[in-house]
Amino acid sequence: MEQKHLARLNELAKLAKERPLTAEEAAERAELRREYLATFRAAFQQQLDNTVIQYDDGTRVPMSAFKKLHQAEEAEKNAKKP
């Protein structure tokens, strides 16, 4: 997200505290929020993709593989329950 878009989003948030936003301002704020959240989620996902779990024995497992392993263990554990 560009800095000018973030500044405009902050400006609209400040305006919303002072007075009701017009329909155009509210629509612009909603679009800027969607853009901001999409950018945030993409950056967070990138960070998770680059995260690894290191075990005591020194083995390193990427977070994506760790998640799949953990889900498989949970499914196995739930299958054993009566």
N, C-alpha and C. Protein backbone atom coordinates (compact mmCIF):
# COMPACT_ATOMS: atom_id res chain seq x y z
N MET A 1 0.85 -1.17 0.00
CA MET A 1 0.00 0.00 0.00
C MET A 1 0.89 1.23 0.00
N GLU A 2 0.56 2.15 -0.85
CA GLU A 2 1.36 3.37 -0.95
C GLU A 2 1.16 4.24 0.29
N GLN A 3 2.18 5.01 0.60
CA GLN A 3 2.15 5.86 1.78
C GLN A 3 1.02 6.89 1.68
N LYS A 4 0.76 7.41 0.47
CA LYS A 4 -0.29 8.41 0.33
C LYS A 4 -1.67 7.80 0.59
N HIS A 5 -1.85 6.52 0.25
CA HIS A 5 -3.13 5.85 0.53
C HIS A 5 -3.31 5.65 2.03
N LEU A 6 -2.23 5.28 2.70
CA LEU A 6 -2.28 5.10 4.14
C LEU A 6 -2.56 6.43 4.84
N ALA A 7 -1.95 7.50 4.36
CA ALA A 7 -2.20 8.82 4.93
C ALA A 7 -3.66 9.22 4.74
N ARG A 8 -4.21 8.91 3.56
CA ARG A 8 -5.62 9.25 3.29
C ARG A 8 -6.54 8.42 4.20
N LEU A 9 -6.22 7.16 4.40
CA LEU A 9 -7.02 6.31 5.29
C LEU A 9 -7.01 6.88 6.70
N ASN A 10 -5.86 7.31 7.18
CA ASN A 10 -5.76 7.91 8.51
C ASN A 10 -6.54 9.23 8.57
N GLU A 11 -6.48 9.99 7.50
CA GLU A 11 -7.23 11.25 7.43
C GLU A 11 -8.73 10.99 7.52
N LEU A 12 -9.20 9.98 6.81
CA LEU A 12 -10.62 9.64 6.84
C LEU A 12 -11.04 9.13 8.22
N ALA A 13 -10.17 8.40 8.87
CA ALA A 13 -10.46 7.91 10.21
C ALA A 13 -10.60 9.08 11.18
N LYS A 14 -9.73 10.06 11.05
CA LYS A 14 -9.80 11.25 11.90
C LYS A 14 -11.09 12.03 11.62
N LEU A 15 -11.43 12.17 10.34
CA LEU A 15 -12.66 12.87 9.99
C LEU A 15 -13.89 12.16 10.56
N ALA A 16 -13.87 10.82 10.53
CA ALA A 16 -15.01 10.04 11.03
C ALA A 16 -15.23 10.27 12.52
N LYS A 17 -14.17 10.60 13.24
CA LYS A 17 -14.31 10.88 14.67
C LYS A 17 -14.90 12.27 14.90
N GLU A 18 -14.67 13.17 13.94
CA GLU A 18 -15.12 14.55 14.08
C GLU A 18 -16.55 14.76 13.57
N ARG A 19 -16.91 14.05 12.48
CA ARG A 19 -18.22 14.23 11.87
C ARG A 19 -18.56 12.98 11.07
N PRO A 20 -19.83 12.82 10.74
CA PRO A 20 -20.19 11.68 9.88
C PRO A 20 -19.57 11.84 8.48
N LEU A 21 -19.11 10.73 7.94
CA LEU A 21 -18.52 10.77 6.60
C LEU A 21 -19.63 10.82 5.54
N THR A 22 -19.31 11.44 4.42
CA THR A 22 -20.24 11.43 3.30
C THR A 22 -20.22 10.03 2.69
N ALA A 23 -21.16 9.74 1.82
CA ALA A 23 -21.22 8.43 1.19
C ALA A 23 -19.95 8.16 0.38
N GLU A 24 -19.45 9.18 -0.31
CA GLU A 24 -18.21 8.99 -1.09
C GLU A 24 -17.01 8.73 -0.19
N GLU A 25 -16.93 9.47 0.91
CA GLU A 25 -15.83 9.27 1.85
C GLU A 25 -15.89 7.89 2.49
N ALA A 26 -17.09 7.46 2.84
CA ALA A 26 -17.25 6.14 3.44
C ALA A 26 -16.86 5.04 2.46
N ALA A 27 -17.24 5.20 1.19
CA ALA A 27 -16.88 4.22 0.17
C ALA A 27 -15.37 4.21 -0.05
N GLU A 28 -14.76 5.40 -0.07
CA GLU A 28 -13.31 5.48 -0.24
C GLU A 28 -12.60 4.82 0.94
N ARG A 29 -13.10 5.09 2.15
CA ARG A 29 -12.49 4.48 3.34
C ARG A 29 -12.61 2.96 3.29
N ALA A 30 -13.74 2.46 2.87
CA ALA A 30 -13.93 1.00 2.78
C ALA A 30 -12.96 0.40 1.77
N GLU A 31 -12.78 1.04 0.63
CA GLU A 31 -11.84 0.54 -0.38
C GLU A 31 -10.40 0.58 0.13
N LEU A 32 -10.03 1.68 0.79
CA LEU A 32 -8.68 1.79 1.33
C LEU A 32 -8.44 0.75 2.43
N ARG A 33 -9.46 0.48 3.23
CA ARG A 33 -9.32 -0.56 4.27
C ARG A 33 -9.10 -1.93 3.63
N ARG A 34 -9.88 -2.23 2.58
CA ARG A 34 -9.69 -3.52 1.89
C ARG A 34 -8.27 -3.64 1.34
N GLU A 35 -7.79 -2.56 0.75
CA GLU A 35 -6.43 -2.57 0.20
C GLU A 35 -5.39 -2.75 1.31
N TYR A 36 -5.60 -2.04 2.42
CA TYR A 36 -4.67 -2.15 3.55
C TYR A 36 -4.64 -3.57 4.10
N LEU A 37 -5.82 -4.16 4.30
CA LEU A 37 -5.88 -5.51 4.85
C LEU A 37 -5.27 -6.54 3.89
N ALA A 38 -5.49 -6.37 2.60
CA ALA A 38 -4.90 -7.29 1.63
C ALA A 38 -3.37 -7.21 1.67
N THR A 39 -2.85 -6.00 1.76
CA THR A 39 -1.40 -5.81 1.85
C THR A 39 -0.86 -6.40 3.15
N PHE A 40 -1.55 -6.16 4.26
CA PHE A 40 -1.12 -6.70 5.55
C PHE A 40 -1.11 -8.22 5.53
N ARG A 41 -2.18 -8.82 5.02
CA ARG A 41 -2.27 -10.28 4.99
C ARG A 41 -1.19 -10.89 4.11
N ALA A 42 -0.91 -10.27 2.98
CA ALA A 42 0.13 -10.79 2.09
C ALA A 42 1.50 -10.72 2.77
N ALA A 43 1.77 -9.62 3.46
CA ALA A 43 3.06 -9.48 4.15
C ALA A 43 3.18 -10.49 5.29
N PHE A 44 2.08 -10.68 6.01
CA PHE A 44 2.09 -11.64 7.12
C PHE A 44 2.27 -13.06 6.60
N GLN A 45 1.60 -13.40 5.51
CA GLN A 45 1.75 -14.73 4.92
C GLN A 45 3.19 -14.96 4.46
N GLN A 46 3.80 -13.93 3.88
CA GLN A 46 5.20 -14.03 3.45
C GLN A 46 6.10 -14.29 4.65
N GLN A 47 5.82 -13.63 5.75
CA GLN A 47 6.61 -13.85 6.96
C GLN A 47 6.45 -15.28 7.46
N LEU A 48 5.24 -15.79 7.45
CA LEU A 48 5.01 -17.17 7.88
C LEU A 48 5.68 -18.16 6.93
N ASP A 49 5.66 -17.86 5.64
CA ASP A 49 6.30 -18.75 4.67
C ASP A 49 7.81 -18.85 4.89
N ASN A 50 8.39 -17.82 5.48
CA ASN A 50 9.83 -17.81 5.72
C ASN A 50 10.20 -18.23 7.14
N THR A 51 9.22 -18.67 7.91
CA THR A 51 9.45 -19.08 9.29
C THR A 51 9.70 -20.58 9.35
N VAL A 52 10.66 -20.99 10.16
CA VAL A 52 10.95 -22.40 10.33
C VAL A 52 10.89 -22.74 11.82
N ILE A 53 10.53 -24.00 12.11
CA ILE A 53 10.52 -24.51 13.47
C ILE A 53 11.79 -25.34 13.62
N GLN A 54 12.58 -25.02 14.66
CA GLN A 54 13.81 -25.78 14.90
C GLN A 54 13.63 -26.61 16.16
N TYR A 55 13.82 -27.91 15.99
CA TYR A 55 13.69 -28.84 17.12
C TYR A 55 15.00 -28.90 17.90
N ASP A 56 14.94 -29.51 19.07
CA ASP A 56 16.12 -29.62 19.94
C ASP A 56 17.26 -30.37 19.26
N ASP A 57 16.92 -31.33 18.38
CA ASP A 57 17.97 -32.10 17.70
C ASP A 57 18.60 -31.34 16.53
N GLY A 58 18.12 -30.12 16.27
CA GLY A 58 18.71 -29.28 15.23
C GLY A 58 17.98 -29.34 13.90
N THR A 59 17.03 -30.24 13.75
CA THR A 59 16.29 -30.30 12.49
C THR A 59 15.39 -29.08 12.37
N ARG A 60 15.26 -28.61 11.14
CA ARG A 60 14.46 -27.42 10.87
C ARG A 60 13.34 -27.80 9.90
N VAL A 61 12.13 -27.40 10.24
CA VAL A 61 10.96 -27.72 9.43
C VAL A 61 10.27 -26.41 9.07
N PRO A 62 10.04 -26.17 7.76
CA PRO A 62 9.31 -24.96 7.38
C PRO A 62 7.92 -24.94 8.03
N MET A 63 7.42 -23.76 8.32
CA MET A 63 6.14 -23.62 9.00
C MET A 63 5.02 -24.31 8.22
N SER A 64 5.03 -24.25 6.91
CA SER A 64 3.97 -24.88 6.11
C SER A 64 3.97 -26.40 6.31
N ALA A 65 5.15 -27.02 6.35
CA ALA A 65 5.24 -28.46 6.58
C ALA A 65 4.87 -28.79 8.01
N PHE A 66 5.23 -27.94 8.96
CA PHE A 66 4.89 -28.15 10.37
C PHE A 66 3.37 -28.13 10.54
N LYS A 67 2.72 -27.20 9.87
CA LYS A 67 1.26 -27.10 9.96
C LYS A 67 0.60 -28.37 9.42
N LYS A 68 1.07 -28.88 8.29
CA LYS A 68 0.51 -30.11 7.71
C LYS A 68 0.75 -31.30 8.65
N LEU A 69 1.93 -31.37 9.23
CA LEU A 69 2.26 -32.45 10.17
C LEU A 69 1.36 -32.38 11.40
N HIS A 70 1.18 -31.19 11.92
CA HIS A 70 0.34 -31.00 13.10
C HIS A 70 -1.11 -31.37 12.80
N GLN A 71 -1.62 -30.99 11.63
CA GLN A 71 -2.98 -31.34 11.25
C GLN A 71 -3.14 -32.86 11.12
N ALA A 72 -2.15 -33.52 10.57
CA ALA A 72 -2.21 -34.98 10.43
C ALA A 72 -2.22 -35.65 11.80
N GLU A 73 -1.41 -35.15 12.73
CA GLU A 73 -1.37 -35.70 14.08
C GLU A 73 -2.72 -35.50 14.78
N GLU A 74 -3.33 -34.35 14.61
CA GLU A 74 -4.63 -34.08 15.22
C GLU A 74 -5.70 -34.99 14.63
N ALA A 75 -5.67 -35.20 13.32
CA ALA A 75 -6.65 -36.08 12.67
C ALA A 75 -6.49 -37.51 13.18
N GLU A 76 -5.24 -37.96 13.34
CA GLU A 76 -4.98 -39.30 13.86
C GLU A 76 -5.48 -39.43 15.30
N LYS A 77 -5.23 -38.40 16.08
CA LYS A 77 -5.66 -38.40 17.48
C LYS A 77 -7.19 -38.44 17.57
N ASN A 78 -7.86 -37.67 16.71
CA ASN A 78 -9.33 -37.64 16.72
C ASN A 78 -9.91 -38.94 16.20
N ALA A 79 -9.23 -39.61 15.30
CA ALA A 79 -9.72 -40.90 14.75
C ALA A 79 -9.69 -41.98 15.82
N LYS A 80 -8.77 -41.89 16.77
CA LYS A 80 -8.63 -42.90 17.82
C LYS A 80 -9.68 -42.74 18.92
N LYS A 81 -10.30 -41.54 19.00
CA LYS A 81 -11.31 -41.32 20.03
C LYS A 81 -12.58 -42.10 19.68
N PRO A 82 -13.20 -42.71 20.70
CA PRO A 82 -14.44 -43.49 20.43
C PRO A 82 -15.63 -42.62 20.11
